Amino acid sequence: MEIYTTGVYGLTSEEFFNILLVNKIDTFIDIRRRRAVRGSKFSFVNSKRLQNRLTELGLKYLHILDLAPTNEIRELQKEVDMKSGINKKERKELGSIFVSEYRKQILDRFNFPKLIEQLKNMNTHKVILFCVEKEPKACHRSLVAEKFELELSVKAINL
C-alpha cells in the first residue's frame, strides 16, 4: 500500500483532482474535523461536492474524524500562530505543543492496525491523506503519514 498526502491551499479544482488522477489514487481519506472551507475559491473540497466528485472519478472516500485534532489542540496551535504573527495559510510547520498533544491524544489512541486491515479489505493500493494546509509540516496529516510509515514500513509522499 502506498501513502500520499495533499492539501488544497494554492491549488485550483482542476489541479487538485488532477493530482489524484495522475497518481492513480484509489482511496481518499479526509482527516478534517470540519469538512468545509470558507469562500468560493475552495468550495470544491466542501464535503458533499468533494464526495460527489470523488465518486465520479471512481475513488473511495473515508472520513476519519478520530484522526482530526480536537478543538482544544487546534487552539494550542492558534496561540502559537498568534504569538508568531503567522496566519494558518502561511504556517510552515506545526508548533511543538500541537505535535506533542496530537500524538498523545490522537495518534497514540488510534487503532492503526484496524484501519490498515479495513483498507486492505477495501482492496486499497494508493491512499491519500487530506487536509487543507499547503505545507505538509504545517498540518496534522504529516503526523498521520509518519504513523502510517511506521506501521507499514513505507515512505509517505507529499503531493
N, C-alpha and C. Protein backbone atom coordinates (compact mmCIF):
# COMPACT_ATOMS: atom_id res chain seq x y z
N MET A 1 0.85 -1.18 0.00
CA MET A 1 0.00 0.00 0.00
C MET A 1 0.90 1.24 0.00
N GLU A 2 0.55 2.20 -0.84
CA GLU A 2 1.29 3.46 -0.90
C GLU A 2 0.48 4.56 -0.22
N ILE A 3 1.19 5.45 0.48
CA ILE A 3 0.55 6.54 1.21
C ILE A 3 1.02 7.87 0.65
N TYR A 4 0.05 8.73 0.38
CA TYR A 4 0.31 10.08 -0.12
C TYR A 4 -0.41 11.07 0.77
N THR A 5 -0.01 12.33 0.71
CA THR A 5 -0.74 13.38 1.41
C THR A 5 -0.89 14.59 0.48
N THR A 6 -1.94 15.36 0.71
CA THR A 6 -2.10 16.61 -0.03
C THR A 6 -2.97 17.57 0.77
N GLY A 7 -2.80 18.83 0.43
CA GLY A 7 -3.66 19.89 0.94
C GLY A 7 -4.40 20.48 -0.24
N VAL A 8 -5.04 21.63 -0.02
CA VAL A 8 -5.78 22.26 -1.11
C VAL A 8 -5.34 23.70 -1.35
N TYR A 9 -4.85 24.37 -0.30
CA TYR A 9 -4.47 25.77 -0.47
C TYR A 9 -3.42 25.89 -1.57
N GLY A 10 -3.64 26.83 -2.46
CA GLY A 10 -2.73 27.06 -3.57
C GLY A 10 -3.07 26.28 -4.82
N LEU A 11 -4.11 25.46 -4.78
CA LEU A 11 -4.48 24.65 -5.94
C LEU A 11 -5.85 25.05 -6.47
N THR A 12 -6.01 24.91 -7.76
CA THR A 12 -7.34 25.05 -8.35
C THR A 12 -8.04 23.70 -8.28
N SER A 13 -9.32 23.70 -8.55
CA SER A 13 -10.07 22.45 -8.58
C SER A 13 -9.45 21.48 -9.58
N GLU A 14 -9.14 21.98 -10.75
CA GLU A 14 -8.55 21.13 -11.80
C GLU A 14 -7.21 20.54 -11.34
N GLU A 15 -6.36 21.37 -10.75
CA GLU A 15 -5.06 20.90 -10.28
C GLU A 15 -5.23 19.85 -9.18
N PHE A 16 -6.14 20.12 -8.26
CA PHE A 16 -6.37 19.22 -7.13
C PHE A 16 -6.78 17.83 -7.60
N PHE A 17 -7.80 17.77 -8.44
CA PHE A 17 -8.29 16.46 -8.87
C PHE A 17 -7.32 15.79 -9.84
N ASN A 18 -6.55 16.58 -10.58
CA ASN A 18 -5.54 16.02 -11.48
C ASN A 18 -4.45 15.31 -10.68
N ILE A 19 -4.09 15.85 -9.52
CA ILE A 19 -3.11 15.19 -8.65
C ILE A 19 -3.58 13.78 -8.29
N LEU A 20 -4.85 13.65 -8.00
CA LEU A 20 -5.39 12.34 -7.64
C LEU A 20 -5.35 11.38 -8.83
N LEU A 21 -5.72 11.89 -9.99
CA LEU A 21 -5.76 11.04 -11.19
C LEU A 21 -4.37 10.64 -11.67
N VAL A 22 -3.46 11.60 -11.75
CA VAL A 22 -2.11 11.33 -12.24
C VAL A 22 -1.40 10.30 -11.35
N ASN A 23 -1.66 10.38 -10.05
CA ASN A 23 -1.01 9.47 -9.12
C ASN A 23 -1.80 8.19 -8.87
N LYS A 24 -2.91 8.03 -9.60
CA LYS A 24 -3.74 6.83 -9.54
C LYS A 24 -4.18 6.48 -8.12
N ILE A 25 -4.59 7.52 -7.39
CA ILE A 25 -5.10 7.34 -6.04
C ILE A 25 -6.42 6.57 -6.13
N ASP A 26 -6.61 5.60 -5.24
CA ASP A 26 -7.89 4.88 -5.26
C ASP A 26 -8.71 5.10 -3.99
N THR A 27 -8.07 5.60 -2.93
CA THR A 27 -8.79 5.83 -1.68
C THR A 27 -8.39 7.18 -1.09
N PHE A 28 -9.38 7.99 -0.82
CA PHE A 28 -9.21 9.35 -0.31
C PHE A 28 -9.65 9.37 1.15
N ILE A 29 -8.71 9.71 2.04
CA ILE A 29 -9.04 9.77 3.47
C ILE A 29 -9.02 11.22 3.93
N ASP A 30 -10.18 11.69 4.29
CA ASP A 30 -10.39 13.06 4.77
C ASP A 30 -10.21 13.04 6.28
N ILE A 31 -9.22 13.77 6.79
CA ILE A 31 -8.95 13.75 8.23
C ILE A 31 -9.22 15.12 8.86
N ARG A 32 -10.15 15.86 8.25
CA ARG A 32 -10.53 17.17 8.79
C ARG A 32 -11.65 17.01 9.81
N ARG A 33 -11.68 17.91 10.77
CA ARG A 33 -12.80 17.96 11.73
C ARG A 33 -13.98 18.63 11.05
N ARG A 34 -13.74 19.79 10.47
CA ARG A 34 -14.80 20.50 9.75
C ARG A 34 -14.53 20.32 8.26
N ARG A 35 -15.48 19.77 7.57
CA ARG A 35 -15.25 19.43 6.16
C ARG A 35 -15.80 20.50 5.22
N ALA A 36 -15.54 21.74 5.58
CA ALA A 36 -15.93 22.86 4.74
C ALA A 36 -14.81 23.90 4.79
N VAL A 37 -14.65 24.62 3.69
CA VAL A 37 -13.66 25.67 3.61
C VAL A 37 -14.41 26.96 3.29
N ARG A 38 -14.07 28.02 3.99
CA ARG A 38 -14.74 29.30 3.75
C ARG A 38 -14.40 29.85 2.38
N GLY A 39 -15.40 30.49 1.77
CA GLY A 39 -15.20 31.14 0.48
C GLY A 39 -15.40 30.21 -0.69
N SER A 40 -15.61 30.81 -1.83
CA SER A 40 -15.91 30.03 -3.03
C SER A 40 -14.66 29.42 -3.69
N LYS A 41 -13.50 30.00 -3.41
CA LYS A 41 -12.26 29.56 -4.07
C LYS A 41 -11.97 28.07 -3.87
N PHE A 42 -12.29 27.56 -2.67
CA PHE A 42 -12.01 26.16 -2.37
C PHE A 42 -13.27 25.37 -2.06
N SER A 43 -14.40 25.85 -2.52
CA SER A 43 -15.67 25.18 -2.23
C SER A 43 -15.73 23.77 -2.81
N PHE A 44 -14.89 23.47 -3.77
CA PHE A 44 -14.87 22.13 -4.37
C PHE A 44 -14.41 21.05 -3.39
N VAL A 45 -13.83 21.45 -2.24
CA VAL A 45 -13.46 20.45 -1.24
C VAL A 45 -14.42 20.46 -0.05
N ASN A 46 -15.52 21.18 -0.16
CA ASN A 46 -16.55 21.06 0.85
C ASN A 46 -17.16 19.67 0.72
N SER A 47 -17.51 19.08 1.82
CA SER A 47 -17.81 17.66 1.92
C SER A 47 -18.66 17.08 0.79
N LYS A 48 -19.83 17.60 0.58
CA LYS A 48 -20.73 16.99 -0.43
C LYS A 48 -20.16 17.13 -1.84
N ARG A 49 -19.66 18.30 -2.18
CA ARG A 49 -19.07 18.49 -3.52
C ARG A 49 -17.88 17.57 -3.72
N LEU A 50 -17.04 17.50 -2.71
CA LEU A 50 -15.86 16.66 -2.78
C LEU A 50 -16.25 15.19 -2.97
N GLN A 51 -17.15 14.71 -2.14
CA GLN A 51 -17.55 13.31 -2.24
C GLN A 51 -18.21 13.00 -3.58
N ASN A 52 -19.02 13.92 -4.09
CA ASN A 52 -19.65 13.71 -5.40
C ASN A 52 -18.59 13.60 -6.49
N ARG A 53 -17.60 14.48 -6.45
CA ARG A 53 -16.56 14.47 -7.49
C ARG A 53 -15.69 13.21 -7.37
N LEU A 54 -15.37 12.82 -6.16
CA LEU A 54 -14.58 11.60 -5.98
C LEU A 54 -15.33 10.38 -6.49
N THR A 55 -16.63 10.33 -6.25
CA THR A 55 -17.46 9.23 -6.76
C THR A 55 -17.42 9.21 -8.28
N GLU A 56 -17.55 10.39 -8.90
CA GLU A 56 -17.47 10.48 -10.37
C GLU A 56 -16.15 9.94 -10.89
N LEU A 57 -15.07 10.17 -10.12
CA LEU A 57 -13.74 9.74 -10.53
C LEU A 57 -13.45 8.28 -10.14
N GLY A 58 -14.37 7.66 -9.42
CA GLY A 58 -14.20 6.26 -9.03
C GLY A 58 -13.32 6.05 -7.82
N LEU A 59 -13.15 7.07 -6.98
CA LEU A 59 -12.34 6.93 -5.78
C LEU A 59 -13.21 6.63 -4.57
N LYS A 60 -12.68 5.82 -3.68
CA LYS A 60 -13.34 5.53 -2.41
C LYS A 60 -13.05 6.69 -1.46
N TYR A 61 -14.02 7.02 -0.61
CA TYR A 61 -13.89 8.13 0.32
C TYR A 61 -14.13 7.66 1.73
N LEU A 62 -13.23 8.04 2.62
CA LEU A 62 -13.40 7.79 4.05
C LEU A 62 -13.20 9.10 4.79
N HIS A 63 -14.08 9.37 5.73
CA HIS A 63 -13.86 10.49 6.65
C HIS A 63 -13.54 9.87 7.99
N ILE A 64 -12.35 10.16 8.50
CA ILE A 64 -11.93 9.57 9.77
C ILE A 64 -11.79 10.71 10.78
N LEU A 65 -12.88 11.00 11.42
CA LEU A 65 -12.94 12.10 12.39
C LEU A 65 -11.98 11.86 13.55
N ASP A 66 -11.75 10.61 13.91
CA ASP A 66 -10.87 10.30 15.03
C ASP A 66 -9.42 10.69 14.78
N LEU A 67 -9.07 11.02 13.55
CA LEU A 67 -7.72 11.50 13.25
C LEU A 67 -7.65 13.02 13.15
N ALA A 68 -8.76 13.69 13.32
CA ALA A 68 -8.78 15.15 13.30
C ALA A 68 -8.36 15.67 14.68
N PRO A 69 -7.60 16.76 14.72
CA PRO A 69 -7.26 17.33 16.02
C PRO A 69 -8.51 17.86 16.72
N THR A 70 -8.52 17.76 18.02
CA THR A 70 -9.64 18.30 18.78
C THR A 70 -9.60 19.83 18.71
N ASN A 71 -10.70 20.44 19.07
CA ASN A 71 -10.73 21.90 19.11
C ASN A 71 -9.70 22.45 20.08
N GLU A 72 -9.49 21.76 21.19
CA GLU A 72 -8.50 22.20 22.17
C GLU A 72 -7.09 22.15 21.60
N ILE A 73 -6.77 21.11 20.87
CA ILE A 73 -5.44 21.01 20.26
C ILE A 73 -5.28 22.10 19.19
N ARG A 74 -6.33 22.33 18.43
CA ARG A 74 -6.28 23.39 17.40
C ARG A 74 -6.05 24.76 18.05
N GLU A 75 -6.67 24.98 19.20
CA GLU A 75 -6.49 26.26 19.91
C GLU A 75 -5.04 26.45 20.34
N LEU A 76 -4.39 25.37 20.74
CA LEU A 76 -2.97 25.46 21.11
C LEU A 76 -2.13 25.96 19.93
N GLN A 77 -2.45 25.47 18.72
CA GLN A 77 -1.72 25.92 17.54
C GLN A 77 -2.06 27.37 17.21
N LYS A 78 -3.32 27.75 17.37
CA LYS A 78 -3.72 29.14 17.12
C LYS A 78 -2.94 30.10 18.01
N GLU A 79 -2.74 29.72 19.26
CA GLU A 79 -1.97 30.55 20.18
C GLU A 79 -0.53 30.71 19.70
N VAL A 80 0.07 29.62 19.26
CA VAL A 80 1.44 29.67 18.73
C VAL A 80 1.49 30.58 17.51
N ASP A 81 0.50 30.41 16.62
CA ASP A 81 0.45 31.24 15.41
C ASP A 81 0.31 32.72 15.75
N MET A 82 -0.56 33.01 16.71
CA MET A 82 -0.76 34.41 17.10
C MET A 82 0.52 35.01 17.68
N LYS A 83 1.19 34.28 18.54
CA LYS A 83 2.45 34.76 19.13
C LYS A 83 3.51 34.98 18.06
N SER A 84 3.47 34.17 17.01
CA SER A 84 4.45 34.27 15.92
C SER A 84 4.02 35.27 14.86
N GLY A 85 2.76 35.73 14.93
CA GLY A 85 2.25 36.66 13.93
C GLY A 85 2.04 36.00 12.58
N ILE A 86 1.71 34.72 12.59
CA ILE A 86 1.52 33.96 11.35
C ILE A 86 0.07 33.53 11.25
N ASN A 87 -0.50 33.62 10.04
CA ASN A 87 -1.85 33.06 9.89
C ASN A 87 -1.73 31.62 9.38
N LYS A 88 -2.81 30.88 9.49
CA LYS A 88 -2.83 29.45 9.18
C LYS A 88 -2.29 29.14 7.78
N LYS A 89 -2.66 29.95 6.81
CA LYS A 89 -2.26 29.68 5.43
C LYS A 89 -0.77 29.94 5.19
N GLU A 90 -0.12 30.69 6.07
CA GLU A 90 1.31 31.00 5.91
C GLU A 90 2.21 30.10 6.75
N ARG A 91 1.62 29.34 7.64
CA ARG A 91 2.40 28.49 8.55
C ARG A 91 3.24 27.49 7.76
N LYS A 92 4.48 27.29 8.20
CA LYS A 92 5.38 26.33 7.56
C LYS A 92 5.51 25.03 8.33
N GLU A 93 5.25 25.10 9.65
CA GLU A 93 5.32 23.88 10.46
C GLU A 93 4.46 24.04 11.70
N LEU A 94 4.11 22.91 12.28
CA LEU A 94 3.30 22.89 13.49
C LEU A 94 4.17 23.20 14.71
N GLY A 95 3.55 23.79 15.72
CA GLY A 95 4.25 24.04 16.96
C GLY A 95 4.48 22.77 17.74
N SER A 96 5.50 22.76 18.56
CA SER A 96 5.84 21.55 19.32
C SER A 96 4.72 21.14 20.27
N ILE A 97 3.98 22.09 20.82
CA ILE A 97 2.88 21.75 21.74
C ILE A 97 1.76 21.03 20.98
N PHE A 98 1.47 21.49 19.76
CA PHE A 98 0.47 20.81 18.94
C PHE A 98 0.91 19.38 18.66
N VAL A 99 2.15 19.23 18.21
CA VAL A 99 2.67 17.90 17.85
C VAL A 99 2.61 16.96 19.05
N SER A 100 3.05 17.44 20.19
CA SER A 100 3.06 16.63 21.39
C SER A 100 1.64 16.20 21.80
N GLU A 101 0.73 17.15 21.85
CA GLU A 101 -0.64 16.84 22.26
C GLU A 101 -1.37 15.99 21.22
N TYR A 102 -1.14 16.24 19.94
CA TYR A 102 -1.79 15.45 18.89
C TYR A 102 -1.33 13.99 18.97
N ARG A 103 -0.04 13.81 19.15
CA ARG A 103 0.46 12.43 19.27
C ARG A 103 -0.12 11.73 20.49
N LYS A 104 -0.14 12.43 21.61
CA LYS A 104 -0.61 11.84 22.86
C LYS A 104 -2.12 11.58 22.84
N GLN A 105 -2.89 12.57 22.40
CA GLN A 105 -4.34 12.46 22.48
C GLN A 105 -4.99 11.75 21.30
N ILE A 106 -4.35 11.80 20.14
CA ILE A 106 -4.97 11.26 18.93
C ILE A 106 -4.22 10.01 18.43
N LEU A 107 -2.98 10.19 18.02
CA LEU A 107 -2.26 9.08 17.38
C LEU A 107 -2.04 7.89 18.31
N ASP A 108 -1.68 8.15 19.56
CA ASP A 108 -1.42 7.05 20.48
C ASP A 108 -2.67 6.24 20.80
N ARG A 109 -3.83 6.82 20.60
CA ARG A 109 -5.10 6.15 20.92
C ARG A 109 -5.78 5.53 19.70
N PHE A 110 -5.33 5.91 18.52
CA PHE A 110 -6.00 5.45 17.31
C PHE A 110 -5.54 4.05 16.93
N ASN A 111 -6.47 3.23 16.46
CA ASN A 111 -6.18 1.85 16.10
C ASN A 111 -5.75 1.76 14.63
N PHE A 112 -4.47 2.00 14.38
CA PHE A 112 -3.96 1.94 13.01
C PHE A 112 -4.02 0.55 12.40
N PRO A 113 -3.70 -0.51 13.15
CA PRO A 113 -3.82 -1.85 12.55
C PRO A 113 -5.24 -2.13 12.04
N LYS A 114 -6.24 -1.68 12.76
CA LYS A 114 -7.63 -1.88 12.32
C LYS A 114 -7.91 -1.11 11.03
N LEU A 115 -7.44 0.12 10.95
CA LEU A 115 -7.62 0.91 9.73
C LEU A 115 -6.89 0.27 8.55
N ILE A 116 -5.69 -0.17 8.78
CA ILE A 116 -4.92 -0.80 7.70
C ILE A 116 -5.63 -2.06 7.21
N GLU A 117 -6.16 -2.83 8.12
CA GLU A 117 -6.92 -4.03 7.74
C GLU A 117 -8.16 -3.64 6.92
N GLN A 118 -8.85 -2.59 7.35
CA GLN A 118 -10.02 -2.10 6.62
C GLN A 118 -9.62 -1.69 5.20
N LEU A 119 -8.52 -0.98 5.07
CA LEU A 119 -8.06 -0.54 3.75
C LEU A 119 -7.70 -1.73 2.87
N LYS A 120 -7.05 -2.71 3.44
CA LYS A 120 -6.72 -3.93 2.68
C LYS A 120 -7.99 -4.64 2.22
N ASN A 121 -8.99 -4.71 3.10
CA ASN A 121 -10.25 -5.34 2.74
C ASN A 121 -11.00 -4.57 1.66
N MET A 122 -10.72 -3.28 1.55
CA MET A 122 -11.32 -2.43 0.51
C MET A 122 -10.53 -2.52 -0.79
N ASN A 123 -9.49 -3.36 -0.82
CA ASN A 123 -8.63 -3.51 -1.98
C ASN A 123 -7.95 -2.18 -2.34
N THR A 124 -7.46 -1.50 -1.33
CA THR A 124 -6.80 -0.22 -1.48
C THR A 124 -5.33 -0.42 -1.82
N HIS A 125 -4.85 0.37 -2.78
CA HIS A 125 -3.44 0.32 -3.15
C HIS A 125 -2.75 1.66 -2.93
N LYS A 126 -3.47 2.75 -3.24
CA LYS A 126 -2.90 4.09 -3.11
C LYS A 126 -3.86 4.98 -2.34
N VAL A 127 -3.43 5.35 -1.13
CA VAL A 127 -4.23 6.16 -0.22
C VAL A 127 -3.70 7.58 -0.20
N ILE A 128 -4.60 8.55 -0.16
CA ILE A 128 -4.17 9.92 0.05
C ILE A 128 -4.84 10.46 1.31
N LEU A 129 -4.02 11.04 2.18
CA LEU A 129 -4.50 11.70 3.40
C LEU A 129 -4.71 13.16 3.07
N PHE A 130 -5.89 13.68 3.41
CA PHE A 130 -6.23 15.04 3.01
C PHE A 130 -6.61 15.94 4.19
N CYS A 131 -6.03 17.12 4.19
CA CYS A 131 -6.46 18.26 4.99
C CYS A 131 -6.13 19.49 4.14
N VAL A 132 -6.33 20.67 4.63
CA VAL A 132 -6.30 21.84 3.75
C VAL A 132 -4.94 22.52 3.58
N GLU A 133 -4.09 22.51 4.58
CA GLU A 133 -2.86 23.29 4.53
C GLU A 133 -1.98 22.92 3.33
N LYS A 134 -1.32 23.91 2.79
CA LYS A 134 -0.43 23.70 1.64
C LYS A 134 0.82 22.92 2.05
N GLU A 135 1.45 23.36 3.12
CA GLU A 135 2.69 22.74 3.59
C GLU A 135 2.40 21.50 4.45
N PRO A 136 2.91 20.35 4.09
CA PRO A 136 2.64 19.14 4.87
C PRO A 136 3.04 19.27 6.34
N LYS A 137 4.18 19.88 6.62
CA LYS A 137 4.66 20.01 8.00
C LYS A 137 3.85 21.02 8.81
N ALA A 138 2.99 21.77 8.14
CA ALA A 138 2.11 22.73 8.82
C ALA A 138 0.76 22.11 9.14
N CYS A 139 0.65 20.81 8.93
CA CYS A 139 -0.64 20.13 9.04
C CYS A 139 -0.49 18.79 9.75
N HIS A 140 -1.54 18.40 10.47
CA HIS A 140 -1.52 17.13 11.18
C HIS A 140 -1.42 15.93 10.25
N ARG A 141 -1.72 16.12 8.96
CA ARG A 141 -1.63 14.97 8.05
C ARG A 141 -0.20 14.44 7.97
N SER A 142 0.81 15.32 8.20
CA SER A 142 2.20 14.86 8.20
C SER A 142 2.45 13.90 9.37
N LEU A 143 1.79 14.15 10.49
CA LEU A 143 1.94 13.27 11.65
C LEU A 143 1.24 11.93 11.43
N VAL A 144 0.08 11.98 10.79
CA VAL A 144 -0.64 10.74 10.44
C VAL A 144 0.19 9.94 9.44
N ALA A 145 0.77 10.64 8.46
CA ALA A 145 1.60 9.97 7.46
C ALA A 145 2.80 9.29 8.12
N GLU A 146 3.42 9.95 9.09
CA GLU A 146 4.54 9.35 9.81
C GLU A 146 4.12 8.05 10.50
N LYS A 147 2.94 8.07 11.08
CA LYS A 147 2.44 6.87 11.76
C LYS A 147 2.20 5.74 10.76
N PHE A 148 1.63 6.06 9.60
CA PHE A 148 1.46 5.06 8.55
C PHE A 148 2.81 4.52 8.11
N GLU A 149 3.80 5.39 7.99
CA GLU A 149 5.14 4.95 7.60
C GLU A 149 5.67 3.90 8.57
N LEU A 150 5.49 4.15 9.86
CA LEU A 150 5.94 3.20 10.88
C LEU A 150 5.17 1.88 10.82
N GLU A 151 3.87 1.99 10.67
CA GLU A 151 3.02 0.79 10.66
C GLU A 151 3.22 -0.07 9.41
N LEU A 152 3.46 0.57 8.28
CA LEU A 152 3.53 -0.15 7.00
C LEU A 152 4.95 -0.30 6.46
N SER A 153 5.92 0.35 7.11
CA SER A 153 7.29 0.37 6.60
C SER A 153 7.36 0.88 5.17
N VAL A 154 6.64 2.00 4.94
CA VAL A 154 6.66 2.67 3.63
C VAL A 154 6.97 4.14 3.84
N LYS A 155 7.35 4.81 2.78
CA LYS A 155 7.60 6.25 2.83
C LYS A 155 6.40 6.95 2.24
N ALA A 156 5.79 7.86 3.02
CA ALA A 156 4.67 8.64 2.52
C ALA A 156 5.20 9.72 1.58
N ILE A 157 4.42 10.01 0.56
CA ILE A 157 4.81 11.01 -0.45
C ILE A 157 3.85 12.18 -0.37
N ASN A 158 4.42 13.36 -0.23
CA ASN A 158 3.61 14.59 -0.20
C ASN A 158 3.46 15.12 -1.61
N LEU A 159 2.21 15.30 -2.00
CA LEU A 159 1.92 15.80 -3.36
C LEU A 159 1.52 17.26 -3.32
